[in-house]
Amino acid sequence: MIIDTHAHFDDKAFNEDRETLLAGLPEAGVELAVNIGANMSTSAATVALTEKYPHIYGAVGVHPSDTAELTDEKLQQLSAWCKKDKIIAVGEIGLDYYWDTPEREIQKKWFRAQLNLAFDENLPVVIHSRDAAADTMNILKEEARGDYRGIMHCFSYSPEIAAEVVKMGFYLGIGGVVTFANAKKLVEVVAQIPLERIVLETDCPYLAPVPYRGKRNSSLYLPLVVDKIAEIKGISKEEVERVTTANAREVYNI
């Protein structure tokens, strides 16, 4: 069985078949999926999904590109959601300098605030970091209260940074991108990092693996990611599934 550690099933791309798709995941070999909030609205939707489906868990948080909406009052709402039984992480939070909006100081302020929320609530974090490696690492080091428990989502940096974040306590979220022809750097990262520090994710409906690249992604395509990781590491698909599932349970305390 597989665990999808990062999905967005609240997205409108699933409006036509969400119920059928989610209800069928266990039969398709997906034991659990973790729906991830990206703003206040999708965090609320995530809470609702966790209450409807026994095999859907959730994370609440505000993506860096949406941090302009955050206030102290909304941070308190996130804190309240964190206390729900099936909300198991704070995320996705971080920095995004690719889109570079809102201004970087706003992104940094609320990244720090949400990191501290996770520490206060004793929850792992799901980190989004794009074109912002130096600032992300600096803030993680400055705000740390001991080792981190969390996932560096859709990891896109060098093997050297991968080794550094693993030392900090993070797992690397590996999804469909690893199957892309231009993913040579990520393939190198997967080859280098111990399997014991890798978790599976989709980021669905985005980033579907080859041969579905450009189409709607879902947890049903995770076996293709398993196949690629097994190929890179020269091990069996069963080993990849077993270890990454154990890793997901460990990081999320499921």
Protein backbone atom coordinates (compact mmCIF):
# COMPACT_ATOMS: atom_id res chain seq x y z
CA MET A 1 0.00 0.00 0.00
CA ILE A 2 1.06 3.57 -0.79
CA ILE A 3 0.64 6.86 1.10
CA ASP A 4 0.28 10.09 -0.86
CA THR A 5 1.83 12.69 1.45
CA HIS A 6 0.78 15.76 -0.57
CA ALA A 7 -2.45 16.19 -2.54
CA HIS A 8 -4.94 18.95 -3.32
CA PHE A 9 -8.18 17.04 -3.77
CA ASP A 10 -10.15 20.16 -2.89
CA ASP A 11 -9.07 21.63 -6.25
CA LYS A 12 -11.80 22.34 -8.80
CA ALA A 13 -10.11 19.87 -11.16
CA PHE A 14 -11.76 17.14 -9.06
CA ASN A 15 -15.24 18.65 -8.91
CA GLU A 16 -16.79 16.16 -11.32
CA ASP A 17 -15.50 12.93 -9.79
CA ARG A 18 -14.02 13.75 -6.38
CA GLU A 19 -16.28 11.45 -4.37
CA THR A 20 -15.80 8.45 -6.65
CA LEU A 21 -12.05 8.96 -6.89
CA LEU A 22 -11.47 9.38 -3.16
CA ALA A 23 -13.74 6.52 -2.20
CA GLY A 24 -11.83 4.23 -4.56
CA LEU A 25 -8.29 5.01 -3.40
CA PRO A 26 -7.88 2.15 -0.88
CA GLU A 27 -9.03 -0.43 -3.41
CA ALA A 28 -6.45 1.00 -5.85
CA GLY A 29 -3.65 0.50 -3.33
CA VAL A 30 -3.51 4.00 -1.86
CA GLU A 31 -3.88 3.46 1.86
CA LEU A 32 -3.99 7.13 2.87
CA ALA A 33 -3.72 10.55 1.28
CA VAL A 34 -2.87 13.83 3.00
CA ASN A 35 -4.69 16.86 1.61
CA ILE A 36 -2.67 20.03 1.93
CA GLY A 37 -4.02 23.53 2.48
CA ALA A 38 -2.64 26.41 0.41
CA ASN A 39 -4.68 29.31 1.83
CA MET A 40 -7.47 29.84 4.35
CA SER A 41 -10.17 28.65 1.96
CA THR A 42 -8.41 25.46 0.92
CA SER A 43 -7.40 24.77 4.50
CA ALA A 44 -11.08 24.91 5.48
CA ALA A 45 -11.87 22.57 2.56
CA THR A 46 -9.12 20.24 3.76
CA VAL A 47 -10.68 20.04 7.22
CA ALA A 48 -14.01 19.14 5.59
CA LEU A 49 -12.44 16.37 3.49
CA THR A 50 -10.79 14.82 6.56
CA GLU A 51 -14.17 14.74 8.28
CA LYS A 52 -15.86 13.03 5.32
CA TYR A 53 -13.33 10.35 4.35
CA PRO A 54 -11.66 8.03 6.89
CA HIS A 55 -8.50 7.62 4.76
CA ILE A 56 -7.98 11.36 4.10
CA TYR A 57 -5.82 13.31 6.54
CA GLY A 58 -4.91 16.96 6.26
CA ALA A 59 -2.47 19.83 6.72
CA VAL A 60 -3.52 23.45 7.14
CA GLY A 61 -1.45 26.45 6.22
CA VAL A 62 -0.96 29.29 3.77
CA HIS A 63 1.29 28.95 0.72
CA PRO A 64 3.84 31.76 0.36
CA SER A 65 2.08 33.18 -2.70
CA ASP A 66 -1.09 33.67 -0.61
CA THR A 67 0.51 35.08 2.55
CA ALA A 68 -0.80 38.60 1.88
CA GLU A 69 -4.15 37.34 3.19
CA LEU A 70 -2.75 36.34 6.58
CA THR A 71 -3.47 38.22 9.79
CA ASP A 72 -2.99 37.38 13.45
CA GLU A 73 -6.67 36.43 13.62
CA LYS A 74 -6.31 34.03 10.70
CA LEU A 75 -3.24 32.53 12.33
CA GLN A 76 -5.44 31.83 15.34
CA GLN A 77 -7.91 30.05 13.06
CA LEU A 78 -5.09 27.88 11.71
CA SER A 79 -4.15 27.11 15.30
CA ALA A 80 -7.72 26.02 16.06
CA TRP A 81 -7.76 23.71 13.03
CA CYS A 82 -4.43 22.23 14.10
CA LYS A 83 -6.10 20.83 17.19
CA LYS A 84 -8.43 18.61 15.15
CA ASP A 85 -7.56 14.90 15.28
CA LYS A 86 -6.95 14.40 11.56
CA ILE A 87 -5.04 17.61 10.93
CA ILE A 88 -1.53 16.24 11.16
CA ALA A 89 0.75 19.00 9.82
CA VAL A 90 1.15 22.70 9.10
CA GLY A 91 1.54 23.35 5.40
CA GLU A 92 2.20 24.12 2.81
CA ILE A 93 4.30 27.02 3.99
CA GLY A 94 7.56 28.57 2.86
CA LEU A 95 8.97 30.93 0.25
CA ASP A 96 8.34 31.27 -3.48
CA TYR A 97 10.60 33.67 -5.37
CA TYR A 98 9.65 32.26 -8.77
CA TRP A 99 6.32 34.12 -8.68
CA ASP A 100 7.85 36.61 -6.22
CA THR A 101 4.55 37.94 -4.92
CA PRO A 102 3.67 39.17 -2.38
CA GLU A 103 6.87 40.99 -1.50
CA ARG A 104 9.54 38.84 0.07
CA GLU A 105 9.35 40.41 3.53
CA ILE A 106 5.68 39.44 3.78
CA GLN A 107 6.48 35.88 2.72
CA LYS A 108 9.28 35.67 5.28
CA LYS A 109 7.16 37.09 8.11
CA TRP A 110 4.41 34.53 7.70
CA PHE A 111 6.81 31.67 7.01
CA ARG A 112 8.35 32.35 10.41
CA ALA A 113 4.95 32.69 12.06
CA GLN A 114 3.69 29.39 10.64
CA LEU A 115 6.90 27.56 11.55
CA ASN A 116 6.38 28.70 15.12
CA LEU A 117 2.74 27.65 14.97
CA ALA A 118 3.88 24.14 14.05
CA PHE A 119 6.33 24.06 16.96
CA ASP A 120 3.63 25.34 19.33
CA GLU A 121 1.20 22.66 18.15
CA ASN A 122 3.89 19.93 18.03
CA LEU A 123 3.14 19.22 14.37
CA PRO A 124 5.40 18.57 11.39
CA VAL A 125 5.73 21.14 8.62
CA VAL A 126 5.30 20.81 4.87
CA ILE A 127 7.71 23.23 3.20
CA HIS A 128 7.28 24.83 -0.22
CA SER A 129 10.51 26.45 -1.43
CA ARG A 130 11.02 27.62 -4.99
CA ASP A 131 13.99 29.69 -6.17
CA ALA A 132 14.54 30.63 -2.52
CA ALA A 133 17.03 28.12 -1.15
CA ALA A 134 19.26 30.48 0.82
CA ASP A 135 16.46 32.37 2.58
CA THR A 136 14.55 29.15 3.25
CA MET A 137 17.53 27.50 4.88
CA ASN A 138 18.43 30.59 6.90
CA ILE A 139 14.90 30.95 8.29
CA LEU A 140 14.65 27.24 9.09
CA LYS A 141 17.89 27.48 11.05
CA GLU A 142 16.90 30.69 12.83
CA GLU A 143 13.46 29.46 13.90
CA ALA A 144 14.43 25.91 14.82
CA ARG A 145 13.58 24.56 18.24
CA GLY A 146 15.57 21.36 18.00
CA ASP A 147 15.34 19.10 14.96
CA TYR A 148 12.53 19.54 12.50
CA ARG A 149 9.88 16.97 11.69
CA GLY A 150 8.54 17.58 8.22
CA ILE A 151 8.69 17.27 4.46
CA MET A 152 10.50 19.40 1.91
CA HIS A 153 7.75 19.26 -0.69
CA CYS A 154 8.51 18.90 -4.41
CA PHE A 155 12.22 19.12 -3.74
CA SER A 156 14.01 20.98 -6.55
CA TYR A 157 17.44 21.94 -5.23
CA SER A 158 20.91 20.41 -5.40
CA PRO A 159 22.10 17.16 -3.83
CA GLU A 160 24.15 19.28 -1.42
CA ILE A 161 21.07 21.12 -0.15
CA ALA A 162 19.20 17.81 -0.01
CA ALA A 163 21.83 16.42 2.31
CA GLU A 164 21.60 19.52 4.49
CA VAL A 165 17.81 19.43 4.88
CA VAL A 166 17.92 15.72 5.65
CA LYS A 167 20.38 16.46 8.46
CA MET A 168 17.88 18.99 9.81
CA GLY A 169 15.28 16.23 10.13
CA PHE A 170 13.32 16.59 6.92
CA TYR A 171 12.09 14.01 4.45
CA LEU A 172 12.09 14.79 0.73
CA GLY A 173 8.76 14.70 -1.09
CA ILE A 174 9.28 12.97 -4.46
CA GLY A 175 6.56 12.96 -7.10
CA GLY A 176 5.96 12.92 -10.82
CA VAL A 177 8.78 15.34 -11.64
CA VAL A 178 11.32 12.54 -11.09
CA THR A 179 9.97 10.85 -14.25
CA PHE A 180 10.51 13.92 -16.45
CA ALA A 181 13.28 13.84 -19.06
CA ASN A 182 14.74 17.11 -17.70
CA ALA A 183 14.85 15.91 -14.08
CA LYS A 184 18.54 14.92 -14.04
CA LYS A 185 19.30 16.88 -10.87
CA LEU A 186 16.36 15.32 -9.01
CA VAL A 187 17.39 11.85 -10.18
CA GLU A 188 20.83 12.55 -8.69
CA VAL A 189 19.21 13.62 -5.43
CA VAL A 190 17.09 10.45 -5.26
CA ALA A 191 20.16 8.33 -5.97
CA GLN A 192 22.11 10.01 -3.18
CA ILE A 193 19.54 10.38 -0.39
CA PRO A 194 18.72 7.25 1.66
CA LEU A 195 15.34 5.72 0.86
CA GLU A 196 14.61 6.12 4.57
CA ARG A 197 14.35 9.88 3.95
CA ILE A 198 12.01 9.83 0.94
CA VAL A 199 8.22 10.04 0.90
CA LEU A 200 5.86 9.78 -2.06
CA GLU A 201 3.67 12.68 -3.13
CA THR A 202 1.61 13.80 -6.09
CA ASP A 203 0.85 17.51 -5.63
CA CYS A 204 -2.24 16.54 -7.59
CA PRO A 205 -3.89 17.80 -9.73
CA TYR A 206 -0.46 19.09 -10.78
CA LEU A 207 2.77 17.43 -11.95
CA ALA A 208 1.47 14.14 -13.31
CA PRO A 209 4.23 11.65 -14.10
CA VAL A 210 5.20 10.52 -17.57
CA PRO A 211 3.30 9.34 -19.67
CA TYR A 212 0.50 11.52 -18.20
CA ARG A 213 2.53 14.72 -17.98
CA GLY A 214 0.29 17.72 -18.64
CA LYS A 215 -2.87 15.85 -17.64
CA ARG A 216 -4.65 15.87 -14.29
CA ASN A 217 -2.63 14.07 -11.67
CA SER A 218 -4.01 11.90 -8.87
CA SER A 219 -2.80 9.42 -6.27
CA LEU A 220 -3.60 6.64 -8.73
CA TYR A 221 -0.43 7.52 -10.67
CA LEU A 222 1.94 7.07 -7.71
CA PRO A 223 3.00 3.57 -8.84
CA LEU A 224 4.81 5.27 -11.74
CA VAL A 225 6.83 7.29 -9.22
CA VAL A 226 7.53 4.09 -7.28
CA ASP A 227 8.79 2.45 -10.47
CA LYS A 228 11.19 5.33 -11.17
CA ILE A 229 12.59 5.43 -7.64
CA ALA A 230 13.10 1.64 -7.75
CA GLU A 231 14.91 2.00 -11.08
CA ILE A 232 17.18 4.79 -9.79
CA LYS A 233 18.10 2.91 -6.63
CA GLY A 234 18.25 -0.56 -8.16
CA ILE A 235 15.81 -2.06 -5.68
CA SER A 236 12.37 -3.63 -5.88
CA LYS A 237 9.13 -1.70 -6.15
CA GLU A 238 7.95 -3.52 -3.05
CA GLU A 239 10.89 -2.16 -1.07
CA VAL A 240 10.14 1.40 -2.21
CA GLU A 241 6.49 1.06 -1.20
CA ARG A 242 7.30 -0.50 2.17
CA VAL A 243 9.93 2.04 3.21
CA THR A 244 8.22 5.19 1.91
CA THR A 245 4.97 4.16 3.59
CA ALA A 246 6.78 3.67 6.89
CA ASN A 247 8.46 7.05 6.39
CA ALA A 248 5.11 8.78 5.81
CA ARG A 249 3.67 7.26 8.97
CA GLU A 250 6.75 8.35 10.90
CA VAL A 251 6.84 11.96 9.74
CA TYR A 252 3.08 12.47 10.12
CA ASN A 253 2.78 10.37 13.29
CA ILE A 254 -0.07 8.31 11.80
